[in-house]
Amino acid sequence: MIGENRFFPEKREALTFGKCNLRGEMQCLFVHESKLKGHFDEARQKWLHIADNFANLVHCRRKVFIPSNIQSNLLEFTNTLLEQDALRLCDETIASVRAALESRFHGVELHCVVYDDRHSLTSAAPIDSLHTLAKDDSKVRGNTSAWASTLTKIIVKTDSDATSAALGQ
């Protein structure tokens, strides 16, 4: 999807409709597109706009991407549409994501935010940092203070690394 800058199918037939909408060829869940079945063209236009905005990231000086799989209700969707292991971030998946991002944007940072039982990332994973959060009772948003702390670490690390590089340290 990243390499093709195509985040939505061209034809309605490419979607399987169920509890949430599944794009068959890329195994992408459209959980938040609740009215997709009756409003395909509107949703497609929205996603074309998102793709255009995403393409403009190439002009950004700093490109930080944060794959995360901690949304607590994800299992509700994977039980019926995807294997639960699809939620598990592994070296191979992250390597594929990083390769696509690097090919497209060059010089990206990749910071993974995960639950301990939803990853099998090793020290060989091509990431800049791994942040493991404790599970919480929230359904979607996660622990606000844990996210704030994690994002601050990523931003401060990014800023201090950029400063060090500029100073030749």
Protein backbone atom coordinates (compact mmCIF):
# COMPACT_ATOMS: atom_id res chain seq x y z
CA MET A 1 0.00 0.00 0.00
CA ILE A 2 2.82 2.39 0.86
CA GLY A 3 4.78 1.65 -2.30
CA GLU A 4 1.75 2.01 -4.52
CA ASN A 5 0.32 5.02 -2.62
CA ARG A 6 -3.00 3.23 -2.90
CA PHE A 7 -4.91 2.79 0.31
CA PHE A 8 -8.31 1.88 -1.01
CA PRO A 9 -9.59 -0.44 -3.74
CA GLU A 10 -10.67 0.90 -7.09
CA LYS A 11 -13.77 -1.29 -7.21
CA ARG A 12 -16.39 -2.21 -4.63
CA GLU A 13 -15.94 -5.88 -5.58
CA ALA A 14 -12.46 -5.86 -4.01
CA LEU A 15 -14.04 -5.54 -0.56
CA THR A 16 -15.55 -8.28 1.54
CA PHE A 17 -18.25 -6.87 3.76
CA GLY A 18 -18.70 -8.19 7.27
CA LYS A 19 -18.34 -7.00 10.85
CA CYS A 20 -15.85 -4.54 9.43
CA ASN A 21 -14.81 -4.14 5.85
CA LEU A 22 -11.90 -6.16 4.52
CA ARG A 23 -9.95 -5.30 1.43
CA GLY A 24 -9.12 -8.69 0.03
CA GLU A 25 -5.90 -8.21 -1.93
CA MET A 26 -4.06 -6.32 0.83
CA GLN A 27 -5.77 -7.72 3.92
CA CYS A 28 -6.63 -4.24 5.17
CA LEU A 29 -9.40 -3.69 7.69
CA PHE A 30 -11.53 -0.57 7.29
CA VAL A 31 -12.93 -0.63 10.81
CA HIS A 32 -13.93 3.04 10.84
CA GLU A 33 -15.75 2.96 7.51
CA SER A 34 -19.07 1.84 8.95
CA LYS A 35 -21.12 3.19 6.01
CA LEU A 36 -18.77 1.88 3.35
CA LYS A 37 -21.20 -0.54 1.77
CA GLY A 38 -23.65 2.19 0.76
CA HIS A 39 -21.11 5.00 0.26
CA PHE A 40 -18.20 3.38 -1.57
CA ASP A 41 -17.51 6.29 -3.93
CA GLU A 42 -17.44 8.83 -1.10
CA ALA A 43 -15.07 6.65 0.92
CA ARG A 44 -12.87 6.14 -2.12
CA GLN A 45 -12.60 9.91 -2.65
CA LYS A 46 -11.66 10.39 1.01
CA TRP A 47 -8.91 7.76 0.73
CA LEU A 48 -7.61 9.26 -2.52
CA HIS A 49 -7.26 12.56 -0.64
CA ILE A 50 -5.43 10.77 2.18
CA ALA A 51 -3.08 9.17 -0.39
CA ASP A 52 -2.32 12.60 -1.85
CA ASN A 53 -1.51 13.95 1.62
CA PHE A 54 0.64 10.90 2.38
CA ALA A 55 2.57 11.42 -0.85
CA ASN A 56 3.47 14.94 0.31
CA LEU A 57 5.42 13.50 3.25
CA VAL A 58 8.35 13.15 0.88
CA HIS A 59 8.89 16.91 1.35
CA CYS A 60 9.15 16.71 5.16
CA ARG A 61 12.58 17.04 6.72
CA ARG A 62 11.77 14.51 9.42
CA LYS A 63 9.65 11.46 8.77
CA VAL A 64 8.72 9.48 11.89
CA PHE A 65 6.43 6.46 11.52
CA ILE A 66 4.96 4.60 14.49
CA PRO A 67 3.44 1.18 13.79
CA SER A 68 1.33 0.09 16.74
CA ASN A 69 -0.98 -2.80 17.45
CA ILE A 70 -2.23 -1.98 20.94
CA GLN A 71 -5.82 -1.03 20.14
CA SER A 72 -7.62 -3.30 22.59
CA ASN A 73 -10.61 -4.11 20.41
CA LEU A 74 -8.57 -5.34 17.43
CA LEU A 75 -9.16 -8.97 18.42
CA GLU A 76 -12.90 -8.47 17.91
CA PHE A 77 -12.21 -8.02 14.20
CA THR A 78 -9.43 -10.52 13.70
CA ASN A 79 -11.45 -13.39 15.18
CA THR A 80 -13.70 -13.29 12.13
CA LEU A 81 -11.59 -11.79 9.35
CA LEU A 82 -7.90 -12.40 9.92
CA GLU A 83 -5.81 -14.74 11.95
CA GLN A 84 -4.94 -13.28 15.35
CA ASP A 85 -1.28 -13.68 14.49
CA ALA A 86 -1.76 -10.98 11.86
CA LEU A 87 -1.71 -8.52 14.76
CA ARG A 88 1.69 -9.74 15.89
CA LEU A 89 4.50 -7.50 14.71
CA CYS A 90 7.52 -9.52 13.64
CA ASP A 91 10.89 -8.75 12.07
CA GLU A 92 9.74 -9.79 8.59
CA THR A 93 6.64 -7.58 8.62
CA ILE A 94 8.52 -4.57 9.97
CA ALA A 95 11.34 -5.12 7.46
CA SER A 96 8.76 -5.03 4.68
CA VAL A 97 7.20 -1.84 6.06
CA ARG A 98 10.59 -0.18 6.51
CA ALA A 99 11.71 -1.12 3.00
CA ALA A 100 8.54 0.38 1.51
CA LEU A 101 8.89 3.57 3.59
CA GLU A 102 12.61 3.97 2.80
CA SER A 103 12.03 3.37 -0.88
CA ARG A 104 9.34 6.01 -0.96
CA PHE A 105 10.53 8.63 1.53
CA HIS A 106 14.24 7.98 2.31
CA GLY A 107 15.64 8.58 5.77
CA VAL A 108 12.66 7.52 7.86
CA GLU A 109 12.49 6.67 11.54
CA LEU A 110 10.47 3.67 12.61
CA HIS A 111 9.39 3.36 16.26
CA CYS A 112 7.14 0.43 17.21
CA VAL A 113 4.63 0.69 20.06
CA VAL A 114 3.34 -2.73 21.10
CA TYR A 115 1.96 -4.91 23.83
CA ASP A 116 4.46 -7.55 24.93
CA ASP A 117 2.24 -10.42 23.74
CA ARG A 118 1.65 -8.85 20.32
CA HIS A 119 5.16 -8.88 18.92
CA SER A 120 8.09 -11.16 18.27
CA LEU A 121 10.50 -8.42 17.27
CA THR A 122 14.16 -9.20 17.88
CA SER A 123 17.26 -7.05 18.09
CA ALA A 124 17.64 -7.66 14.34
CA ALA A 125 14.38 -5.83 13.59
CA PRO A 126 15.01 -2.77 11.41
CA ILE A 127 13.51 -0.28 13.84
CA ASP A 128 14.81 2.78 15.62
CA SER A 129 13.13 1.91 18.91
CA LEU A 130 10.69 -0.50 20.51
CA HIS A 131 8.24 0.72 23.14
CA THR A 132 6.27 -1.92 25.03
CA LEU A 133 3.24 -0.55 26.84
CA ALA A 134 1.35 -2.26 29.65
CA LYS A 135 -2.16 -3.38 28.79
CA ASP A 136 -4.92 -1.18 30.10
CA ASP A 137 -8.72 -1.20 30.29
CA SER A 138 -9.34 1.25 27.47
CA LYS A 139 -11.10 -0.10 24.43
CA VAL A 140 -9.45 2.00 21.75
CA ARG A 141 -7.30 4.92 22.83
CA GLY A 142 -4.90 3.25 25.24
CA ASN A 143 -3.36 4.77 28.33
CA THR A 144 -3.04 8.50 27.64
CA SER A 145 -0.10 9.05 30.00
CA ALA A 146 1.76 6.00 28.63
CA TRP A 147 1.29 7.30 25.08
CA ALA A 148 2.36 10.81 26.08
CA SER A 149 5.51 9.45 27.71
CA THR A 150 6.30 7.23 24.72
CA LEU A 151 5.73 9.97 22.16
CA THR A 152 7.84 12.37 24.22
CA LYS A 153 10.70 9.84 24.24
CA ILE A 154 10.44 9.45 20.48
CA ILE A 155 10.32 13.21 19.86
CA VAL A 156 13.12 14.02 22.31
CA LYS A 157 15.27 11.22 20.88
CA THR A 158 14.58 12.46 17.40
CA ASP A 159 15.35 16.07 18.30
CA SER A 160 18.50 15.22 20.28
CA ASP A 161 19.77 12.95 17.49
CA ALA A 162 19.17 15.70 14.93
CA THR A 163 20.95 18.22 17.16
CA SER A 164 23.89 15.84 17.70
CA ALA A 165 24.15 15.20 13.98
CA ALA A 166 24.10 18.94 13.25
CA LEU A 167 26.88 19.47 15.80
CA GLY A 168 28.89 16.58 14.38
CA GLN A 169 28.63 14.51 17.58
